[in-house]
PDB file of N, CA and C in Angstrom:
ATOM      1  N   MET A   1     131.839 -75.831  -5.497  1.00  0.00           N
ATOM      2  CA  MET A   1     130.596 -76.354  -4.839  1.00  0.00           C
ATOM      3  C   MET A   1     130.040 -75.046  -4.165  1.00  0.00           C
ATOM      4  N   GLY A   2     128.990 -74.796  -4.159  1.00  0.00           N
ATOM      5  CA  GLY A   2     128.101 -73.616  -3.623  1.00  0.00           C
ATOM      6  C   GLY A   2     127.017 -73.839  -2.475  1.00  0.00           C
ATOM      7  N   ARG A   3     126.793 -72.815  -1.892  1.00  0.00           N
ATOM      8  CA  ARG A   3     125.998 -73.034  -0.994  1.00  0.00           C
ATOM      9  C   ARG A   3     124.356 -73.766  -1.320  1.00  0.00           C
ATOM     10  N   ARG A   4     123.995 -74.340  -0.229  1.00  0.00           N
ATOM     11  CA  ARG A   4     122.324 -74.942  -0.831  1.00  0.00           C
ATOM     12  C   ARG A   4     121.551 -73.884  -0.880  1.00  0.00           C
ATOM     13  N   PRO A   5     120.520 -73.658  -1.303  1.00  0.00           N
ATOM     14  CA  PRO A   5     119.545 -72.476  -0.693  1.00  0.00           C
ATOM     15  C   PRO A   5     118.788 -73.195   0.686  1.00  0.00           C
ATOM     16  N   ARG A   6     118.618 -72.122   1.261  1.00  0.00           N
ATOM     17  CA  ARG A   6     117.587 -72.217   2.707  1.00  0.00           C
ATOM     18  C   ARG A   6     116.462 -72.768   2.640  1.00  0.00           C
ATOM     19  N   VAL A   7     116.373 -74.127   3.484  1.00  0.00           N
ATOM     20  CA  VAL A   7     114.963 -74.374   3.452  1.00  0.00           C
ATOM     21  C   VAL A   7     114.341 -74.272   4.905  1.00  0.00           C
ATOM     22  N   ASP A   8     113.150 -73.872   4.824  1.00  0.00           N
ATOM     23  CA  ASP A   8     112.295 -73.582   5.614  1.00  0.00           C
ATOM     24  C   ASP A   8     111.837 -74.729   6.208  1.00  0.00           C
ATOM     25  N   ARG A   9     111.964 -75.237   7.470  1.00  0.00           N
ATOM     26  CA  ARG A   9     111.537 -76.233   8.345  1.00  0.00           C
ATOM     27  C   ARG A   9     110.768 -75.910   8.973  1.00  0.00           C
ATOM     28  N   THR A  10     109.474 -76.940   9.550  1.00  0.00           N
ATOM     29  CA  THR A  10     108.615 -76.627  10.563  1.00  0.00           C
ATOM     30  C   THR A  10     109.270 -77.453  11.786  1.00  0.00           C
ATOM     31  N   PRO A  11     108.710 -76.805  12.946  1.00  0.00           N
ATOM     32  CA  PRO A  11     109.312 -77.342  14.413  1.00  0.00           C
ATOM     33  C   PRO A  11     109.018 -78.717  14.449  1.00  0.00           C
ATOM     34  N   GLU A  12     108.372 -79.559  13.610  1.00  0.00           N
ATOM     35  CA  GLU A  12     108.214 -80.917  13.937  1.00  0.00           C
ATOM     36  C   GLU A  12     109.255 -81.775  13.135  1.00  0.00           C
ATOM     37  N   GLU A  13     109.549 -80.937  11.923  1.00  0.00           N
ATOM     38  CA  GLU A  13     110.437 -81.546  11.115  1.00  0.00           C
ATOM     39  C   GLU A  13     111.878 -81.225  12.176  1.00  0.00           C
ATOM     40  N   LYS A  14     112.143 -80.268  12.018  1.00  0.00           N
ATOM     41  CA  LYS A  14     113.442 -80.153  13.067  1.00  0.00           C
ATOM     42  C   LYS A  14     113.509 -80.962  14.249  1.00  0.00           C
ATOM     43  N   TRP A  15     112.397 -81.346  14.934  1.00  0.00           N
ATOM     44  CA  TRP A  15     112.403 -82.369  16.388  1.00  0.00           C
ATOM     45  C   TRP A  15     112.562 -83.706  15.324  1.00  0.00           C
ATOM     46  N   GLN A  16     112.073 -84.190  14.470  1.00  0.00           N
ATOM     47  CA  GLN A  16     112.527 -85.440  13.919  1.00  0.00           C
ATOM     48  C   GLN A  16     113.500 -85.917  13.906  1.00  0.00           C
ATOM     49  N   ILE A  17     114.278 -84.660  12.978  1.00  0.00           N
ATOM     50  CA  ILE A  17     115.705 -84.613  12.498  1.00  0.00           C
ATOM     51  C   ILE A  17     116.654 -84.902  13.559  1.00  0.00           C
ATOM     52  N   VAL A  18     116.456 -83.942  14.459  1.00  0.00           N
ATOM     53  CA  VAL A  18     117.150 -84.277  16.082  1.00  0.00           C
ATOM     54  C   VAL A  18     116.804 -85.495  16.839  1.00  0.00           C
ATOM     55  N   GLN A  19     115.803 -85.753  16.741  1.00  0.00           N
ATOM     56  CA  GLN A  19     115.765 -87.475  17.202  1.00  0.00           C
ATOM     57  C   GLN A  19     116.135 -88.115  16.312  1.00  0.00           C
ATOM     58  N   GLU A  20     116.197 -88.429  15.280  1.00  0.00           N
ATOM     59  CA  GLU A  20     117.253 -89.211  14.405  1.00  0.00           C
ATOM     60  C   GLU A  20     118.288 -89.211  14.537  1.00  0.00           C
ATOM     61  N   GLY A  21     119.219 -87.965  14.598  1.00  0.00           N
ATOM     62  CA  GLY A  21     120.498 -88.013  14.930  1.00  0.00           C
ATOM     63  C   GLY A  21     120.926 -88.753  16.180  1.00  0.00           C
ATOM     64  N   ILE A  22     120.040 -88.293  17.033  1.00  0.00           N
ATOM     65  CA  ILE A  22     120.467 -88.805  18.435  1.00  0.00           C
ATOM     66  C   ILE A  22     120.084 -90.635  18.694  1.00  0.00           C
ATOM     67  N   LYS A  23     119.141 -91.026  18.059  1.00  0.00           N
ATOM     68  CA  LYS A  23     118.638 -92.415  17.901  1.00  0.00           C
ATOM     69  C   LYS A  23     119.808 -93.420  17.437  1.00  0.00           C
ATOM     70  N   SER A  24     120.035 -92.780  16.219  1.00  0.00           N
ATOM     71  CA  SER A  24     121.247 -93.547  15.205  1.00  0.00           C
ATOM     72  C   SER A  24     122.572 -93.618  15.721  1.00  0.00           C
ATOM     73  N   GLY A  25     122.822 -92.601  16.652  1.00  0.00           N
ATOM     74  CA  GLY A  25     124.290 -92.226  17.080  1.00  0.00           C
ATOM     75  C   GLY A  25     125.180 -91.714  16.099  1.00  0.00           C
ATOM     76  N   ASN A  26     124.930 -91.272  14.682  1.00  0.00           N
ATOM     77  CA  ASN A  26     125.654 -91.132  13.628  1.00  0.00           C
ATOM     78  C   ASN A  26     124.980 -89.611  12.882  1.00  0.00           C
ATOM     79  N   VAL A  27     125.719 -88.593  13.688  1.00  0.00           N
ATOM     80  CA  VAL A  27     124.754 -87.167  13.429  1.00  0.00           C
ATOM     81  C   VAL A  27     125.960 -86.999  12.198  1.00  0.00           C
ATOM     82  N   SER A  28     126.808 -87.061  11.530  1.00  0.00           N
ATOM     83  CA  SER A  28     127.176 -87.007  10.296  1.00  0.00           C
ATOM     84  C   SER A  28     126.496 -87.493   8.920  1.00  0.00           C
ATOM     85  N   GLU A  29     125.919 -88.738   9.310  1.00  0.00           N
ATOM     86  CA  GLU A  29     125.215 -89.746   8.263  1.00  0.00           C
ATOM     87  C   GLU A  29     123.818 -88.463   8.022  1.00  0.00           C
ATOM     88  N   THR A  30     123.028 -88.395   9.404  1.00  0.00           N
ATOM     89  CA  THR A  30     121.911 -87.873   9.628  1.00  0.00           C
ATOM     90  C   THR A  30     121.767 -86.133   8.918  1.00  0.00           C
ATOM     91  N   CYS A  31     122.844 -85.691   9.074  1.00  0.00           N
ATOM     92  CA  CYS A  31     123.047 -84.795   8.180  1.00  0.00           C
ATOM     93  C   CYS A  31     123.004 -84.384   6.960  1.00  0.00           C
ATOM     94  N   ARG A  32     123.856 -85.180   6.363  1.00  0.00           N
ATOM     95  CA  ARG A  32     124.186 -85.601   4.996  1.00  0.00           C
ATOM     96  C   ARG A  32     122.831 -85.981   4.254  1.00  0.00           C
ATOM     97  N   ARG A  33     121.975 -86.771   5.083  1.00  0.00           N
ATOM     98  CA  ARG A  33     120.735 -87.392   4.370  1.00  0.00           C
ATOM     99  C   ARG A  33     119.470 -85.782   4.623  1.00  0.00           C
ATOM    100  N   HIS A  34     119.789 -85.003   5.492  1.00  0.00           N
ATOM    101  CA  HIS A  34     118.955 -84.064   5.195  1.00  0.00           C
ATOM    102  C   HIS A  34     119.441 -82.782   4.818  1.00  0.00           C
ATOM    103  N   GLY A  35     120.570 -82.702   4.425  1.00  0.00           N
ATOM    104  CA  GLY A  35     121.270 -81.572   3.488  1.00  0.00           C
ATOM    105  C   GLY A  35     121.677 -80.443   4.841  1.00  0.00           C
ATOM    106  N   ILE A  36     121.821 -80.897   5.912  1.00  0.00           N
ATOM    107  CA  ILE A  36     122.240 -79.738   7.018  1.00  0.00           C
ATOM    108  C   ILE A  36     123.629 -80.132   7.637  1.00  0.00           C
ATOM    109  N   SER A  37     124.070 -79.145   8.268  1.00  0.00           N
ATOM    110  CA  SER A  37     125.070 -79.017   8.838  1.00  0.00           C
ATOM    111  C   SER A  37     125.195 -79.495  10.101  1.00  0.00           C
ATOM    112  N   PRO A  38     126.067 -80.344  10.863  1.00  0.00           N
ATOM    113  CA  PRO A  38     126.176 -80.466  12.024  1.00  0.00           C
ATOM    114  C   PRO A  38     125.815 -79.579  13.310  1.00  0.00           C
ATOM    115  N   SER A  39     126.400 -78.473  12.746  1.00  0.00           N
ATOM    116  CA  SER A  39     126.208 -77.301  13.911  1.00  0.00           C
ATOM    117  C   SER A  39     124.979 -77.052  14.180  1.00  0.00           C
ATOM    118  N   LEU A  40     124.269 -77.277  13.109  1.00  0.00           N
ATOM    119  CA  LEU A  40     122.795 -76.820  12.734  1.00  0.00           C
ATOM    120  C   LEU A  40     121.997 -77.679  13.998  1.00  0.00           C
ATOM    121  N   LEU A  41     122.044 -78.883  13.163  1.00  0.00           N
ATOM    122  CA  LEU A  41     121.474 -79.910  14.190  1.00  0.00           C
ATOM    123  C   LEU A  41     121.780 -79.637  15.624  1.00  0.00           C
ATOM    124  N   TYR A  42     122.633 -79.440  16.220  1.00  0.00           N
ATOM    125  CA  TYR A  42     123.455 -79.385  17.488  1.00  0.00           C
ATOM    126  C   TYR A  42     122.679 -78.021  17.920  1.00  0.00           C
ATOM    127  N   ARG A  43     122.223 -76.875  17.218  1.00  0.00           N
ATOM    128  CA  ARG A  43     121.974 -75.625  17.340  1.00  0.00           C
ATOM    129  C   ARG A  43     120.160 -76.282  17.875  1.00  0.00           C
ATOM    130  N   TRP A  44     119.846 -77.087  16.655  1.00  0.00           N
ATOM    131  CA  TRP A  44     118.425 -77.526  17.205  1.00  0.00           C
ATOM    132  C   TRP A  44     118.167 -78.188  18.126  1.00  0.00           C
ATOM    133  N   LYS A  45     119.445 -79.090  18.624  1.00  0.00           N
ATOM    134  CA  LYS A  45     118.985 -79.814  19.845  1.00  0.00           C
ATOM    135  C   LYS A  45     119.234 -79.219  20.868  1.00  0.00           C
ATOM    136  N   ASP A  46     119.917 -78.097  21.090  1.00  0.00           N
ATOM    137  CA  ASP A  46     120.251 -77.222  22.039  1.00  0.00           C
ATOM    138  C   ASP A  46     118.776 -75.990  22.245  1.00  0.00           C
ATOM    139  N   GLU A  47     118.079 -75.679  21.411  1.00  0.00           N
ATOM    140  CA  GLU A  47     116.713 -75.090  21.482  1.00  0.00           C
ATOM    141  C   GLU A  47     115.602 -75.906  22.129  1.00  0.00           C
ATOM    142  N   ALA A  48     115.928 -77.283  21.542  1.00  0.00           N
ATOM    143  CA  ALA A  48     114.637 -78.309  22.017  1.00  0.00           C
ATOM    144  C   ALA A  48     114.997 -78.494  23.522  1.00  0.00           C
ATOM    145  N   GLU A  49     115.793 -78.382  23.912  1.00  0.00           N
ATOM    146  CA  GLU A  49     116.595 -78.793  24.951  1.00  0.00           C
ATOM    147  C   GLU A  49     115.615 -77.548  26.145  1.00  0.00           C
ATOM    148  N   ALA A  50     116.062 -76.257  25.634  1.00  0.00           N
ATOM    149  CA  ALA A  50     115.842 -75.167  26.390  1.00  0.00           C
ATOM    150  C   ALA A  50     114.138 -75.146  26.599  1.00  0.00           C
ATOM    151  N   GLY A  51     113.884 -75.036  25.157  1.00  0.00           N
ATOM    152  CA  GLY A  51     112.094 -75.387  25.309  1.00  0.00           C
ATOM    153  C   GLY A  51     111.489 -76.169  26.335  1.00  0.00           C
ATOM    154  N   ALA A  52     112.305 -77.418  26.357  1.00  0.00           N
ATOM    155  CA  ALA A  52     111.829 -78.861  26.995  1.00  0.00           C
ATOM    156  C   ALA A  52     111.493 -77.765  28.730  1.00  0.00           C
ATOM    157  N   LYS A  53     112.719 -77.271  28.750  1.00  0.00           N
ATOM    158  CA  LYS A  53     113.165 -76.970  30.518  1.00  0.00           C
ATOM    159  C   LYS A  53     112.373 -76.108  30.863  1.00  0.00           C
ATOM    160  N   ALA A  54     111.998 -74.753  30.191  1.00  0.00           N
ATOM    161  CA  ALA A  54     111.057 -73.875  30.234  1.00  0.00           C
ATOM    162  C   ALA A  54     109.488 -74.539  30.371  1.00  0.00           C
ATOM    163  N   ALA A  55     109.068 -75.420  29.259  1.00  0.00           N
ATOM    164  CA  ALA A  55     107.898 -76.061  29.552  1.00  0.00           C
ATOM    165  C   ALA A  55     107.844 -76.621  31.086  1.00  0.00           C
ATOM    166  N   LEU A  56     108.822 -77.552  31.526  1.00  0.00           N
ATOM    167  CA  LEU A  56     108.780 -78.233  32.596  1.00  0.00           C
ATOM    168  C   LEU A  56     109.184 -77.470  34.114  1.00  0.00           C
ATOM    169  N   GLY A  57     108.763 -75.924  33.209  1.00  0.00           N
ATOM    170  CA  GLY A  57     109.093 -74.742  34.999  1.00  0.00           C
ATOM    171  C   GLY A  57     110.372 -74.448  35.227  1.00  0.00           C
ATOM    172  N   GLY A  58     111.472 -74.740  34.318  1.00  0.00           N
ATOM    173  CA  GLY A  58     112.572 -74.295  34.530  1.00  0.00           C
ATOM    174  C   GLY A  58     112.836 -73.129  34.327  1.00  0.00           C
ATOM    175  N   GLU A  59     114.290 -72.541  34.061  1.00  0.00           N
ATOM    176  CA  GLU A  59     114.304 -71.377  33.474  1.00  0.00           C
ATOM    177  C   GLU A  59     113.552 -70.598  32.227  1.00  0.00           C
ATOM    178  N   ALA A  60     112.959 -69.705  32.392  1.00  0.00           N
ATOM    179  CA  ALA A  60     112.210 -68.934  31.151  1.00  0.00           C
ATOM    180  C   ALA A  60     113.060 -69.147  29.854  1.00  0.00           C
ATOM    181  N   LEU A  61     112.325 -69.033  28.597  1.00  0.00           N
ATOM    182  CA  LEU A  61     113.414 -68.686  27.495  1.00  0.00           C
ATOM    183  C   LEU A  61     113.702 -67.167  27.385  1.00  0.00           C
ATOM    184  N   PRO A  62     114.264 -66.711  26.621  1.00  0.00           N
ATOM    185  CA  PRO A  62     114.547 -65.235  26.515  1.00  0.00           C
ATOM    186  C   PRO A  62     113.629 -65.161  25.418  1.00  0.00           C
ATOM    187  N   ARG A  63     112.908 -63.632  25.137  1.00  0.00           N
ATOM    188  CA  ARG A  63     111.803 -63.474  24.576  1.00  0.00           C
ATOM    189  C   ARG A  63     112.608 -63.057  23.159  1.00  0.00           C
ATOM    190  N   ALA A  64     111.903 -63.707  21.892  1.00  0.00           N
ATOM    191  CA  ALA A  64     112.289 -63.830  20.702  1.00  0.00           C
ATOM    192  C   ALA A  64     111.968 -62.388  20.180  1.00  0.00           C
ATOM    193  N   LYS A  65     113.383 -61.820  19.368  1.00  0.00           N
ATOM    194  CA  LYS A  65     113.357 -60.363  18.754  1.00  0.00           C
ATOM    195  C   LYS A  65     112.169 -60.270  17.396  1.00  0.00           C
ATOM    196  N   PRO A  66     111.589 -59.380  17.429  1.00  0.00           N
ATOM    197  CA  PRO A  66     110.701 -59.408  16.341  1.00  0.00           C
ATOM    198  C   PRO A  66     111.767 -59.431  15.192  1.00  0.00           C
ATOM    199  N   ARG A  67     110.755 -59.851  14.154  1.00  0.00           N
ATOM    200  CA  ARG A  67     111.643 -59.928  12.733  1.00  0.00           C
ATOM    201  C   ARG A  67     111.301 -58.654  11.998  1.00  0.00           C
ATOM    202  N   ARG A  68     112.283 -58.257  10.940  1.00  0.00           N
ATOM    203  CA  ARG A  68     111.723 -56.869  10.225  1.00  0.00           C
ATOM    204  C   ARG A  68     111.250 -57.778   8.901  1.00  0.00           C
ATOM    205  N   ILE A  69     110.056 -57.301   7.962  1.00  0.00           N
ATOM    206  CA  ILE A  69     109.437 -57.687   7.190  1.00  0.00           C
ATOM    207  C   ILE A  69     110.364 -56.727   5.936  1.00  0.00           C
ATOM    208  N   SER A  70     110.889 -56.950   5.116  1.00  0.00           N
ATOM    209  CA  SER A  70     111.339 -55.937   3.898  1.00  0.00           C
ATOM    210  C   SER A  70     110.287 -55.987   2.938  1.00  0.00           C
ATOM    211  N   ALA A  71     110.105 -54.698   2.112  1.00  0.00           N
ATOM    212  CA  ALA A  71     108.665 -54.672   1.648  1.00  0.00           C
ATOM    213  C   ALA A  71     109.909 -54.535   0.248  1.00  0.00           C
TER     214      ALA A  71
END
């Protein structure tokens, strides 16, 4: 069994998946349904919480590193 191809999801899609996992209480089932690992869901959840804190005047988010575009 090989690795699945990478799927780029929008921030809105990620947020919906995180909410679904939290509301259902069954992260494993949510991850299977969307073809992601539980660790990825928890990473998205942590990133969403950090962004919410920054938006509400908490600690600032670290600056994103610029991505290199290969030719």
